[in-house]
């Protein structure tokens, strides 16, 4: 929970922890908390999110399987998995899903 408080105070956070330590749960709690606050600013009045699109989070995963698992979790947040598999598939199928890279998420 210390990490979530730091993020809300505007501190950038990088967390590196061992397997099975609850990284995914921490990440999802952080995302859900930030979403709740962005929708009801009175929950944490000192927090300000940059831009007009609301908060954004970047997650770097060590494997494609974890990326896909997180993308399927669907917390009501727009998500985009970018890796060699998705880029190759987009090129083959002339898919425009990755055009967001040029325009921001």
Protein backbone atom coordinates (compact mmCIF):
# COMPACT_ATOMS: atom_id res chain seq x y z
CA UNK A 1 0.00 0.00 0.00
CA UNK A 2 2.97 2.33 0.49
CA UNK A 3 3.44 2.35 -3.29
CA UNK A 4 -0.14 3.44 -3.92
CA UNK A 5 0.27 6.36 -1.51
CA UNK A 6 3.48 7.44 -3.26
CA UNK A 7 1.76 7.34 -6.66
CA UNK A 8 -1.09 9.48 -5.33
CA UNK A 9 1.50 11.94 -4.01
CA UNK A 10 2.83 12.28 -7.56
CA UNK A 11 5.95 10.15 -7.12
CA UNK A 12 6.90 7.89 -10.02
CA UNK A 13 7.02 4.27 -8.91
CA UNK A 14 9.04 1.31 -10.13
CA UNK A 15 8.44 -1.93 -8.23
CA UNK A 16 10.57 -5.04 -8.67
CA UNK A 17 9.53 -7.97 -6.52
CA UNK A 18 9.92 -11.76 -6.64
CA UNK A 19 7.42 -14.19 -8.15
CA UNK A 20 4.35 -14.81 -6.03
CA UNK A 21 4.71 -11.62 -4.01
CA UNK A 22 1.43 -10.10 -5.16
CA UNK A 23 2.57 -7.75 -7.93
CA UNK A 24 -0.60 -8.28 -9.97
CA UNK A 25 -2.87 -7.65 -6.98
CA UNK A 26 -0.90 -4.51 -6.11
CA UNK A 27 -1.15 -3.29 -9.70
CA UNK A 28 -4.90 -3.93 -9.94
CA UNK A 29 -5.56 -2.24 -6.58
CA UNK A 30 -3.55 0.75 -7.74
CA UNK A 31 -5.45 0.95 -11.03
CA UNK A 32 -8.85 0.59 -9.37
CA UNK A 33 -7.95 3.20 -6.74
CA UNK A 34 -6.75 5.68 -9.34
CA UNK A 35 -9.88 5.13 -11.45
CA UNK A 36 -12.12 5.69 -8.42
CA UNK A 37 -10.27 8.87 -7.50
CA UNK A 38 -10.32 10.19 -11.07
CA UNK A 39 -14.10 9.77 -11.12
CA UNK A 40 -14.65 11.23 -7.64
CA UNK A 41 -11.91 13.77 -6.98
CA UNK A 42 -13.26 14.49 -3.49
CA UNK A 43 -11.81 11.11 -2.42
CA UNK A 44 -8.33 12.59 -2.67
CA UNK A 45 -8.62 16.34 -3.40
CA UNK A 46 -4.87 17.04 -3.66
CA UNK A 47 -4.38 14.57 -6.53
CA UNK A 48 -4.18 15.98 -10.05
CA UNK A 49 -3.94 13.90 -13.21
CA UNK A 50 -2.07 15.28 -16.21
CA UNK A 51 -3.90 15.97 -19.45
CA UNK A 52 -7.60 15.73 -20.15
CA UNK A 53 -7.75 11.97 -20.76
CA UNK A 54 -7.39 11.04 -17.11
CA UNK A 55 -4.78 8.80 -15.54
CA UNK A 56 -2.57 6.41 -17.51
CA UNK A 57 -0.39 3.55 -16.40
CA UNK A 58 2.32 1.63 -18.23
CA UNK A 59 3.03 -1.94 -17.19
CA UNK A 60 6.10 -3.77 -18.43
CA UNK A 61 5.77 -7.55 -18.22
CA UNK A 62 8.56 -10.11 -18.64
CA UNK A 63 6.49 -12.50 -20.77
CA UNK A 64 3.78 -12.32 -23.41
CA UNK A 65 1.62 -14.69 -21.35
CA UNK A 66 1.48 -12.26 -18.44
CA UNK A 67 0.66 -9.40 -20.83
CA UNK A 68 -2.21 -11.38 -22.32
CA UNK A 69 -3.49 -12.39 -18.88
CA UNK A 70 -3.51 -8.78 -17.72
CA UNK A 71 -5.21 -7.62 -20.92
CA UNK A 72 -7.98 -10.18 -20.38
CA UNK A 73 -8.51 -9.08 -16.77
CA UNK A 74 -10.46 -6.09 -18.15
CA UNK A 75 -10.94 -3.75 -15.24
CA UNK A 76 -13.02 -1.42 -17.34
CA UNK A 77 -9.83 0.28 -18.47
CA UNK A 78 -8.76 0.58 -22.10
CA UNK A 79 -5.72 -1.67 -22.45
CA UNK A 80 -3.34 -2.36 -25.28
CA UNK A 81 -0.83 -5.21 -25.32
CA UNK A 82 2.22 -4.39 -27.39
CA UNK A 83 4.79 -7.07 -28.10
CA UNK A 84 6.36 -8.78 -31.10
CA UNK A 85 3.33 -11.08 -31.49
CA UNK A 86 0.74 -8.30 -31.57
CA UNK A 87 2.83 -6.08 -33.83
CA UNK A 88 3.43 -8.95 -36.29
CA UNK A 89 -0.25 -9.90 -36.30
CA UNK A 90 -1.27 -6.27 -36.89
CA UNK A 91 1.09 -6.02 -39.85
CA UNK A 92 -0.07 -9.31 -41.38
CA UNK A 93 -3.76 -8.49 -41.03
CA UNK A 94 -3.33 -4.78 -41.78
CA UNK A 95 -4.95 -4.22 -38.42
CA UNK A 96 -5.16 -0.65 -37.16
CA UNK A 97 -5.37 -1.54 -33.45
CA UNK A 98 -1.82 -0.38 -32.91
CA UNK A 99 -2.44 2.98 -34.58
CA UNK A 100 -3.01 4.20 -31.00
CA UNK A 101 0.76 4.23 -30.64
CA UNK A 102 0.88 7.31 -32.83
CA UNK A 103 -2.01 9.05 -31.06
CA UNK A 104 -1.50 8.01 -27.44
CA UNK A 105 -3.69 5.56 -25.55
